[in-house]
């Protein structure tokens, strides 16, 4: 009988109620000698705390599928998604006298019962923690897609790279590699023959410079639920086709690439793609390890997960509930019947108070005005509305203890603060990427051509618009006082870095490259900039800019972009890896804008900062905030965190703590 839905049988499977508060269902999949045979299984109710029979848990992506494939469960019909059917068929034993015990949410939880989903969510981290192994299913729904063979090849390369990293960390068969940089690193060691670097170069060449970012096409890597599922596991195993790789090996690879990125362009590019792919998973792994060593749980934040997707906005909280619990943080119990705004406020209120007791402001430092989810106070971080977080590094020495207090209705946050300055004038903001929202800045004909073009059209337009904005920022920073251009450029350098650099050597190195970058951006004809030698590796085929430029130069449809002065500037930047590094780092300035204060200082923060906003130091915090008083004098809204050159380098408060007053955040 075909797996697709055909003639209906007489009886469909009906879920019985679970027998206890700690009960789960485990699926026993019966083996078959025939790969095409119908999937047959049995569901068993078991007490999670008492059962000693091992099982494996499945981590996968639903991909928005609806149940359409028939299996036999306890002899009755059950409809499952295409992904579920493929998983069960792949992992079931190949012999009819064997069986395999699996836990898979779509089958083991009655998805039609909100009460059961709420109850099982409380046990989710325990389910994955108790499993002998978590099997991570990466296979796409349609393996015949043209890009899939590249993904399979990249996974095999990932396994080889992880094996090299494991041998290196164990000191087996490879050179020890370069040491860590301490102080002045001296000459860069020759890395061309280092095994991991060779493999990184091959990965970039095989993937047209996109490296592991290609895995973004596999839905598992974009799903928020997956973080909890692998982090709490005893062992997690990535499975793609017949290849497998442990999560532990992935963590070791991350550490090795992080060590090598300062020495070679290829290692840096591969590492960056790796970070964009798995940063939340790896960071949570290290956070959980640190919390077990020191019991410091204050670093947990919703900001880790902003890039990841959920099918239900409520899962932005519920999908990390188990992680918070594993770190000893108590969030309100999951309840899908609650309004979205209530869920967000309750979770953030609990986390802000947890962090505040440790003198930490992670969630408040992620807040900025965002209209995505209406009805939320400004102390709810924007990352819960699927917006890019504004993450500024610590820049203030604060000696005053924080005081946090929520009003009885839980809507207003009372906190002590010191107003240090006021915003007087604002420049335009940098875009993060071109989409229908921010392309409205452009003329209609240009906008429609960009949005209707290929992905590299939008990528090129994004890079060129960043260059245009940077040129505007240079004029903005230097326009008021031509005599003080040097001081203004120093302030701009600090603002683009989002803070000062520690160490005189790195300050000098950074500023020297910054000056060359500024010169390229401001020259009337960037082709005249030929008087200095490009840095090592500047003509590497691994340059992402060079690849983008080459692709677009052969495409006549983007001639309206390649004929611009900004394109000439990008070409010149692409020839020098040091300048490319500065330009590439401007991506993190997405949604940000420059501003000047009433006292004449230059600052940077997230748009929509506007004239009249207050620059405030919240007691105990190490980052400045921009607050906007409500017109009715009923409190202030958090606009964004900001960096102000000349203010953030020193103490923002006087020794006596004078001038502090209570701010009410609404």
Foldseek 3Di string as FASTA:
>chain_A
DFQFDDDFDDFADDDDDADDLQKWKKKKWFAELDLRDATEIEIDIDRLVPDPDAAEEEQADLVPFDFGTWHAYPNHTDTDGLVVRVVSSVPADNHRVDIHIYDYPRPTFPPVDLVRVLSVLVCVLSVLLRHQEYEYEQEASDCVDPCNVLVVVLVVLVQVLLVLLVCQVVVHPFPVDDDADDFPNPDFDDCPPHVNLVSLLVQCVSVVLLHPLSSVVRQSQQALLVLSNCQSHPWYWYDDPPDIDTVVSVLSSLVVLVRCLVRDVSSVSNNVSSCVRCVLNNVLNVQLVVCVVPVDLLPDDLLSRLRHDDPDLLCSPSSCCSSCVSSVQDADRDRPVDDSQVSQLRRLVSSCVVNLVVLDHVQQQFFADDPQDPPAFRSRGCSSSSDNGQDFDFQADFDFRWDWDADPVSRKIKIKKFFQFFFAAWADAQALWDDPVPLVVDDPVVSVLQHPDDPLSRVLVSLLSNLVSVLVVLCVQCVPPVVCSVVSLVLVLQQLVSHDDPHPVVNVVSVVLVVLLVCLSPDPQSVVPPPDDADPCLPPSSQPLVSSLVVVVVPPSNVVSCVDSSVSSSVSQSSHVSSVVSSVSCSSRHQKIWTATPVGWIKMWGPPDDGGWTWMDTHSGRWIWTWAQDPVNPFIRTRHTMDTPPCSNYHVADPVRPRMDMGMGD
